[in-house]
């Protein structure tokens, strides 16, 4: 009897492991296509009234998708070692763009200075900064692992860097991006093996700072009050949330049909950007909303599987970077959907790959390209390690 040995990765030595890379690509592509369809549906009326062209936003989004795909292809061809060796460069770029936006180069929209004009579109600097800081933190965790795990200074140093970046974000102000950055940084540090005892004072401090940030600005306090009871002032501070909830109510189980949303007709502000999830729920109902949640779940879990496999393959930087990127996409998506459903106070965060906006879409595509590169390098390493065994096996069969 011929004895054979499979070189496929297995779970429990029974079934071939499900490959995360195809799932990552398919889920991301599905979300991107859904975003194009929903932006087209949600923005036509406002685009016609504002620019005299119903297809203004969808044409621009198509350009952003094309640029995002190009950036993803570039990211796929950048070795993971470059990111690992460029930690200080990434930190410098991340902090530099956060400073530049506060100079006369920055553009103010609705009271927030978050963008730098760049040709035909504006660049939201927080999107660049978040990815750069995730890359720096991954590099720090690998370089200073012992110091991070065993000493308070090693634990505090990356938090100080995140604190500086958060301070610059709050000056813009961009509270939503600050929450995402702090949450991702805490998640990366925790996944590196830091004990829960070190996180206890951090959690208390973050809670205190978050409460202080809310109290310090009247508009944030209004958002919290309207979040607790949006119907109390539904035509003022609670207007956006109540209109979003109305969209969910109208959608019921299967929705009112593509293009038949009423809330997008100047009732729900930012229908094609921050609150596009509400329009999806109105036009496709609970089924459509759950489909979006499922696609994001598949995408984020695929990222975590890529990170876990890199960790098992003794690629610590790649693993930490992949964990950070997966947290970055997943946390932003979760916050956006929670805001639209009234589970969190209103924040200005886009839904990755789905909402209108070039900066978010293109940087998310870069993140996906990095995840793909991490998995491809791991697969190449696994194939190279398996080749000698395979050649030996083909050279002569063993018999019982």
Protein backbone atom coordinates (compact mmCIF):
# COMPACT_ATOMS: atom_id res chain seq x y z
CA UNK A 1 0.00 0.00 0.00
CA UNK A 2 1.40 3.41 -1.01
CA UNK A 3 1.70 5.91 1.82
CA UNK A 4 1.10 9.53 0.82
CA UNK A 5 1.39 12.71 2.84
CA UNK A 6 -0.50 15.90 1.97
CA UNK A 7 1.39 19.17 2.10
CA UNK A 8 -1.86 21.20 2.29
CA UNK A 9 -2.43 23.12 5.53
CA UNK A 10 -5.03 21.41 7.70
CA UNK A 11 -7.02 22.11 10.84
CA UNK A 12 -6.93 19.14 13.15
CA UNK A 13 -5.21 17.09 10.38
CA UNK A 14 -8.59 16.31 8.88
CA UNK A 15 -9.76 18.93 6.37
CA UNK A 16 -7.92 21.35 4.07
CA UNK A 17 -7.84 24.80 5.63
CA UNK A 18 -10.08 27.44 4.07
CA UNK A 19 -7.85 29.92 2.28
CA UNK A 20 -8.47 33.48 3.52
CA UNK A 21 -7.04 35.37 0.53
CA UNK A 22 -9.85 34.54 -1.95
CA UNK A 23 -12.45 35.34 0.73
CA UNK A 24 -10.72 38.65 1.44
CA UNK A 25 -10.73 39.64 -2.23
CA UNK A 26 -14.30 38.49 -2.95
CA UNK A 27 -15.81 40.18 0.12
CA UNK A 28 -13.92 43.43 -0.59
CA UNK A 29 -14.97 43.41 -4.24
CA UNK A 30 -18.60 42.74 -3.28
CA UNK A 31 -18.59 45.65 -0.83
CA UNK A 32 -17.01 47.93 -3.43
CA UNK A 33 -19.61 47.05 -6.07
CA UNK A 34 -22.40 47.46 -3.54
CA UNK A 35 -20.95 50.85 -2.66
CA UNK A 36 -21.00 51.98 -6.29
CA UNK A 37 -24.64 50.91 -6.66
CA UNK A 38 -25.75 52.56 -3.42
CA UNK A 39 -23.82 55.80 -4.02
CA UNK A 40 -25.51 56.01 -7.41
CA UNK A 41 -28.91 55.51 -5.77
CA UNK A 42 -28.36 57.77 -2.76
CA UNK A 43 -26.62 60.72 -4.42
CA UNK A 44 -28.47 61.39 -7.67
CA UNK A 45 -30.94 63.92 -6.29
CA UNK A 46 -28.46 65.88 -4.21
CA UNK A 47 -25.92 65.81 -7.07
CA UNK A 48 -28.54 67.13 -9.50
CA UNK A 49 -29.58 69.92 -7.14
CA UNK A 50 -26.02 70.88 -6.18
CA UNK A 51 -24.01 70.36 -9.37
CA UNK A 52 -26.66 70.03 -12.09
CA UNK A 53 -25.36 66.55 -12.88
CA UNK A 54 -27.05 63.50 -11.35
CA UNK A 55 -23.95 61.37 -11.95
CA UNK A 56 -21.44 63.73 -10.32
CA UNK A 57 -20.70 61.58 -7.28
CA UNK A 58 -20.82 58.21 -9.01
CA UNK A 59 -18.38 59.34 -11.73
CA UNK A 60 -15.96 60.57 -9.08
CA UNK A 61 -16.36 57.36 -7.09
CA UNK A 62 -15.52 55.32 -10.20
CA UNK A 63 -12.30 57.32 -10.48
CA UNK A 64 -11.57 56.64 -6.81
CA UNK A 65 -12.21 52.91 -7.32
CA UNK A 66 -9.79 52.84 -10.27
CA UNK A 67 -7.13 54.68 -8.25
CA UNK A 68 -7.77 52.41 -5.28
CA UNK A 69 -7.23 49.29 -7.39
CA UNK A 70 -3.97 50.74 -8.72
CA UNK A 71 -2.79 51.53 -5.18
CA UNK A 72 -3.77 48.02 -4.05
CA UNK A 73 -1.66 46.52 -6.86
CA UNK A 74 1.26 48.73 -5.83
CA UNK A 75 0.87 47.68 -2.18
CA UNK A 76 0.82 44.00 -3.19
CA UNK A 77 4.23 44.46 -4.81
CA UNK A 78 5.83 46.16 -1.80
CA UNK A 79 7.71 43.62 0.37
CA UNK A 80 6.57 43.38 3.98
CA UNK A 81 10.19 43.97 5.00
CA UNK A 82 9.98 47.52 3.60
CA UNK A 83 7.13 48.36 5.97
CA UNK A 84 9.03 46.76 8.85
CA UNK A 85 12.19 48.76 8.14
CA UNK A 86 10.29 52.02 7.63
CA UNK A 87 8.74 52.39 11.09
CA UNK A 88 10.26 55.79 11.80
CA UNK A 89 9.46 57.01 8.28
CA UNK A 90 5.82 55.97 8.71
CA UNK A 91 5.65 57.74 12.07
CA UNK A 92 7.12 60.90 10.55
CA UNK A 93 4.70 60.87 7.61
CA UNK A 94 1.72 60.19 9.88
CA UNK A 95 2.49 63.07 12.23
CA UNK A 96 3.54 65.39 9.40
CA UNK A 97 0.22 65.18 7.56
CA UNK A 98 -1.64 65.76 10.83
CA UNK A 99 0.38 68.94 11.36
CA UNK A 100 0.12 70.14 7.74
CA UNK A 101 -3.68 70.02 7.79
CA UNK A 102 -3.64 72.56 10.63
CA UNK A 103 -1.65 75.03 8.53
CA UNK A 104 -3.14 77.25 5.78
CA UNK A 105 -2.86 74.20 3.50
CA UNK A 106 -5.82 72.62 5.30
CA UNK A 107 -9.39 73.00 4.09
CA UNK A 108 -12.25 73.58 6.51
CA UNK A 109 -15.66 72.01 5.81
CA UNK A 110 -18.58 72.26 8.25
CA UNK A 111 -16.30 73.59 10.98
CA UNK A 112 -13.72 70.78 10.72
CA UNK A 113 -10.26 71.12 9.16
CA UNK A 114 -9.56 67.57 8.04
CA UNK A 115 -8.63 67.85 4.36
CA UNK A 116 -5.76 69.03 2.17
CA UNK A 117 -6.77 69.97 -1.41
CA UNK A 118 -4.98 67.76 -3.91
CA UNK A 119 -5.94 68.37 -7.51
CA UNK A 120 -9.44 67.20 -8.32
CA UNK A 121 -10.19 65.92 -4.81
CA UNK A 122 -9.40 66.53 -1.15
CA UNK A 123 -7.21 64.16 0.89
CA UNK A 124 -8.46 63.37 4.39
CA UNK A 125 -5.21 63.20 6.30
CA UNK A 126 -6.53 61.02 9.12
CA UNK A 127 -6.85 58.10 6.69
CA UNK A 128 -3.15 58.31 5.83
CA UNK A 129 -2.13 58.88 9.44
CA UNK A 130 -4.03 55.85 10.75
CA UNK A 131 -2.29 53.43 8.38
CA UNK A 132 1.14 54.99 9.00
CA UNK A 133 0.72 54.79 12.78
CA UNK A 134 -0.47 51.17 12.59
CA UNK A 135 2.68 50.34 10.62
CA UNK A 136 4.87 52.15 13.16
CA UNK A 137 3.19 50.41 16.11
CA UNK A 138 3.67 47.00 14.48
CA UNK A 139 7.36 47.81 14.01
CA UNK A 140 7.67 48.98 17.63
CA UNK A 141 5.95 45.88 19.03
CA UNK A 142 8.43 43.64 17.21
CA UNK A 143 11.56 45.70 17.96
CA UNK A 144 10.78 46.36 21.63
CA UNK A 145 8.72 43.32 22.53
CA UNK A 146 10.55 42.47 25.77
CA UNK A 147 10.53 46.09 26.89
CA UNK A 148 6.84 46.41 26.00
CA UNK A 149 5.83 43.32 27.94
CA UNK A 150 8.02 43.74 31.00
CA UNK A 151 8.47 47.45 31.70
CA UNK A 152 6.17 50.41 32.18
CA UNK A 153 8.30 52.76 30.03
CA UNK A 154 8.12 50.28 27.16
CA UNK A 155 4.35 50.17 27.56
CA UNK A 156 3.94 53.95 27.82
CA UNK A 157 6.13 54.97 24.85
CA UNK A 158 3.77 53.81 22.07
CA UNK A 159 0.82 55.21 24.02
CA UNK A 160 2.58 58.57 24.14
CA UNK A 161 2.97 58.52 20.35
CA UNK A 162 -0.70 57.65 19.94
CA UNK A 163 -1.52 60.42 22.43
CA UNK A 164 0.32 63.02 20.33
CA UNK A 165 -1.47 61.86 17.16
CA UNK A 166 -4.80 61.84 18.98
CA UNK A 167 -4.20 65.38 20.20
CA UNK A 168 -3.57 66.54 16.63
CA UNK A 169 -6.74 64.77 15.48
CA UNK A 170 -8.78 66.42 18.22
CA UNK A 171 -7.57 69.86 17.17
CA UNK A 172 -9.11 69.34 13.68
CA UNK A 173 -11.48 68.15 15.33
CA UNK A 174 -11.95 64.48 14.34
CA UNK A 175 -13.27 62.59 17.35
CA UNK A 176 -14.28 59.54 15.32
CA UNK A 177 -10.80 59.00 13.85
CA UNK A 178 -9.33 59.46 17.33
CA UNK A 179 -11.56 56.71 18.74
CA UNK A 180 -10.59 54.37 15.90
CA UNK A 181 -6.86 55.06 16.26
CA UNK A 182 -6.85 54.60 20.03
CA UNK A 183 -8.95 51.43 19.78
CA UNK A 184 -6.68 49.89 17.13
CA UNK A 185 -3.52 50.80 19.07
CA UNK A 186 -4.92 49.27 22.27
CA UNK A 187 -5.93 46.14 20.36
CA UNK A 188 -2.48 45.72 18.79
CA UNK A 189 -0.70 46.17 22.12
CA UNK A 190 -3.07 43.73 23.84
CA UNK A 191 -2.62 41.11 21.09
CA UNK A 192 1.15 41.43 21.48
CA UNK A 193 0.80 39.80 24.91
CA UNK A 194 0.63 42.71 27.36
CA UNK A 195 -1.15 41.66 30.57
CA UNK A 196 -4.61 42.93 31.45
CA UNK A 197 -3.25 44.50 34.63
CA UNK A 198 -1.38 47.07 32.56
CA UNK A 199 -4.53 47.90 30.65
CA UNK A 200 -6.64 48.63 33.73
CA UNK A 201 -5.24 52.15 34.36
CA UNK A 202 -5.23 52.77 30.61
CA UNK A 203 -8.94 52.01 30.33
CA UNK A 204 -9.72 54.30 33.27
CA UNK A 205 -7.62 57.11 31.78
CA UNK A 206 -9.21 56.74 28.33
CA UNK A 207 -12.69 56.76 29.83
CA UNK A 208 -11.88 59.93 31.77
CA UNK A 209 -10.36 61.64 28.73
CA UNK A 210 -13.29 60.62 26.56
CA UNK A 211 -15.77 62.03 29.06
CA UNK A 212 -13.73 65.25 29.30
CA UNK A 213 -13.64 65.57 25.50
CA UNK A 214 -17.43 65.22 25.36
CA UNK A 215 -18.05 67.74 28.15
CA UNK A 216 -15.54 70.26 26.74
CA UNK A 217 -17.45 70.74 23.46
CA UNK A 218 -21.17 71.64 23.51
CA UNK A 219 -21.83 69.99 20.14
CA UNK A 220 -20.46 66.67 21.44
CA UNK A 221 -22.65 66.91 24.52
CA UNK A 222 -25.65 67.53 22.25
CA UNK A 223 -24.78 64.40 20.30
CA UNK A 224 -24.66 62.33 23.48
CA UNK A 225 -27.99 63.72 24.68
CA UNK A 226 -29.60 63.15 21.29
CA UNK A 227 -28.16 59.64 21.23
CA UNK A 228 -29.83 58.84 24.56
CA UNK A 229 -33.19 60.19 23.35
CA UNK A 230 -33.10 61.41 19.74
CA UNK A 231 -36.88 61.90 19.58
CA UNK A 232 -36.76 64.52 22.34
CA UNK A 233 -35.30 67.01 19.86
CA UNK A 234 -35.88 65.29 16.55
CA UNK A 235 -35.77 68.46 14.44
CA UNK A 236 -32.49 69.76 15.87
CA UNK A 237 -29.76 67.74 17.60
CA UNK A 238 -31.55 64.42 17.06
CA UNK A 239 -32.51 65.07 13.44
CA UNK A 240 -29.86 62.97 11.69
CA UNK A 241 -30.32 59.94 13.93
CA UNK A 242 -34.13 60.02 13.80
CA UNK A 243 -34.07 60.22 10.00
CA UNK A 244 -31.67 57.28 9.93
CA UNK A 245 -33.96 55.26 12.21
CA UNK A 246 -36.93 56.13 9.99
CA UNK A 247 -34.98 54.69 7.04
CA UNK A 248 -34.44 51.45 8.94
CA UNK A 249 -38.13 51.33 9.87
CA UNK A 250 -39.27 51.86 6.29
CA UNK A 251 -37.01 49.07 5.04
CA UNK A 252 -38.65 46.37 7.18
CA UNK A 253 -37.60 42.86 6.07
CA UNK A 254 -36.91 43.15 2.31
CA UNK A 255 -36.76 46.92 1.73
CA UNK A 256 -38.65 49.29 -0.54
CA UNK A 257 -36.53 48.43 -3.56
CA UNK A 258 -33.40 49.86 -5.18
CA UNK A 259 -33.84 53.55 -5.94
CA UNK A 260 -37.09 53.89 -3.97
CA UNK A 261 -35.68 55.42 -0.80
CA UNK A 262 -37.51 58.46 0.52
CA UNK A 263 -34.92 59.42 3.14
CA UNK A 264 -32.28 60.16 0.51
CA UNK A 265 -34.54 62.91 -0.88
CA UNK A 266 -32.94 65.61 1.31
CA UNK A 267 -34.35 64.15 4.55
CA UNK A 268 -31.26 62.26 5.74
CA UNK A 269 -28.06 64.38 5.65
CA UNK A 270 -24.91 62.68 4.32
CA UNK A 271 -27.00 59.87 2.84
CA UNK A 272 -24.27 58.86 0.38
CA UNK A 273 -21.39 59.14 2.88
CA UNK A 274 -21.67 58.61 6.64
CA UNK A 275 -25.24 57.25 6.61
CA UNK A 276 -25.24 55.11 3.49
CA UNK A 277 -25.88 52.04 5.66
CA UNK A 278 -29.31 53.49 6.53
CA UNK A 279 -30.15 53.85 2.82
CA UNK A 280 -29.06 50.24 2.24
CA UNK A 281 -31.39 49.17 5.04
CA UNK A 282 -34.26 51.23 3.61
CA UNK A 283 -33.91 49.93 0.05
CA UNK A 284 -32.94 46.32 0.85
CA UNK A 285 -34.36 45.90 4.33
CA UNK A 286 -33.01 43.81 7.17
CA UNK A 287 -31.82 41.21 4.67
CA UNK A 288 -29.63 43.76 2.87
CA UNK A 289 -28.28 45.20 6.12
CA UNK A 290 -27.36 41.74 7.41
CA UNK A 291 -25.65 40.98 4.09
CA UNK A 292 -23.42 44.02 4.55
CA UNK A 293 -22.62 42.92 8.12
CA UNK A 294 -21.83 39.42 6.84
CA UNK A 295 -19.47 40.74 4.13
CA UNK A 296 -17.57 42.86 6.62
CA UNK A 297 -17.42 39.92 9.02
CA UNK A 298 -15.91 37.71 6.29
CA UNK A 299 -13.42 40.42 5.33
CA UNK A 300 -12.25 41.10 8.89
CA UNK A 301 -12.08 37.41 9.89
CA UNK A 302 -10.05 36.73 6.73
CA UNK A 303 -7.63 39.44 7.84
CA UNK A 304 -7.36 37.89 11.30
CA UNK A 305 -6.75 34.44 9.80
CA UNK A 306 -3.97 35.92 7.65
CA UNK A 307 -2.48 37.51 10.77
CA UNK A 308 -2.75 34.28 12.78
CA UNK A 309 -1.09 32.22 10.06
CA UNK A 310 1.74 34.74 9.78
CA UNK A 311 2.17 34.46 13.55
CA UNK A 312 2.31 30.67 13.32
CA UNK A 313 4.85 30.99 10.49
CA UNK A 314 7.17 32.99 12.79
CA UNK A 315 6.56 36.29 10.98
CA UNK A 316 5.85 38.56 13.97
CA UNK A 317 5.84 41.93 12.17
CA UNK A 318 3.58 40.67 9.39
CA UNK A 319 1.22 39.20 12.00
CA UNK A 320 1.05 42.38 14.09
CA UNK A 321 0.60 44.58 10.99
CA UNK A 322 -2.19 42.32 9.71
CA UNK A 323 -3.92 42.38 13.10
CA UNK A 324 -3.73 46.18 13.13
CA UNK A 325 -5.09 46.58 9.61
CA UNK A 326 -7.94 44.13 10.28
CA UNK A 327 -8.83 46.02 13.46
CA UNK A 328 -8.66 49.31 11.58
CA UNK A 329 -11.16 48.23 8.92
CA UNK A 330 -13.40 46.28 11.29
CA UNK A 331 -13.59 48.93 14.02
CA UNK A 332 -14.40 51.74 11.58
CA UNK A 333 -17.10 49.65 9.89
CA UNK A 334 -18.58 48.62 13.24
CA UNK A 335 -18.69 52.21 14.51
CA UNK A 336 -20.29 53.50 11.31
CA UNK A 337 -23.03 50.87 11.38
CA UNK A 338 -23.56 51.33 15.12
CA UNK A 339 -23.99 55.09 14.61
CA UNK A 340 -26.51 54.57 11.81
CA UNK A 341 -28.58 52.24 14.00
CA UNK A 342 -28.41 54.47 17.07
CA UNK A 343 -26.12 52.20 19.09
CA UNK A 344 -23.46 54.92 19.32
CA UNK A 345 -23.54 58.73 19.26
CA UNK A 346 -23.20 60.34 15.83
CA UNK A 347 -19.63 60.52 14.45
CA UNK A 348 -18.27 61.48 11.07
CA UNK A 349 -16.90 58.10 9.96
CA UNK A 350 -17.37 56.56 6.54
CA UNK A 351 -18.25 52.93 5.89
CA UNK A 352 -15.08 51.43 4.34
CA UNK A 353 -15.36 50.51 0.64
CA UNK A 354 -19.06 51.48 0.59
CA UNK A 355 -19.41 55.19 1.45
CA UNK A 356 -18.56 57.94 -1.01
CA UNK A 357 -15.07 59.35 -0.50
CA UNK A 358 -11.71 58.95 -2.15
CA UNK A 359 -9.36 59.03 0.84
CA UNK A 360 -11.12 56.28 2.78
CA UNK A 361 -11.59 54.05 -0.27
CA UNK A 362 -8.03 54.36 -1.53
CA UNK A 363 -6.40 53.82 1.86
CA UNK A 364 -8.64 50.81 2.51
CA UNK A 365 -7.50 49.39 -0.83
CA UNK A 366 -3.88 49.90 0.25
CA UNK A 367 -4.66 48.04 3.48
CA UNK A 368 -6.16 45.15 1.52
CA UNK A 369 -3.11 45.06 -0.75
CA UNK A 370 -0.85 44.80 2.31
CA UNK A 371 -2.93 41.95 3.74
CA UNK A 372 -2.71 40.14 0.41
CA UNK A 373 1.07 40.62 0.32
CA UNK A 374 1.44 39.24 3.84
CA UNK A 375 -0.48 36.10 2.93
CA UNK A 376 1.37 35.69 -0.38
CA UNK A 377 4.76 35.89 1.34
CA UNK A 378 3.64 33.35 3.93
CA UNK A 379 2.44 30.98 1.21
CA UNK A 380 5.73 31.39 -0.68
CA UNK A 381 7.68 30.60 2.49
CA UNK A 382 5.50 27.55 3.18
CA UNK A 383 5.94 26.32 -0.39
CA UNK A 384 9.71 26.77 -0.22
CA UNK A 385 9.84 24.86 3.07
CA UNK A 386 7.71 22.03 1.64
CA UNK A 387 9.67 21.61 -1.60
CA UNK A 388 12.49 19.40 -0.25
CA UNK A 389 9.97 17.06 1.39
CA UNK A 390 7.95 16.94 -1.82
CA UNK A 391 10.96 16.16 -3.97
CA UNK A 392 12.04 13.47 -1.53
CA UNK A 393 8.57 12.00 -1.60
CA UNK A 394 8.49 11.91 -5.42
CA UNK A 395 11.92 10.31 -5.53
CA UNK A 396 10.73 7.04 -4.02
CA UNK A 397 7.49 5.66 -2.62
CA UNK A 398 7.31 3.77 0.66
CA UNK A 399 5.46 0.50 0.83
CA UNK A 400 3.87 -1.43 3.66
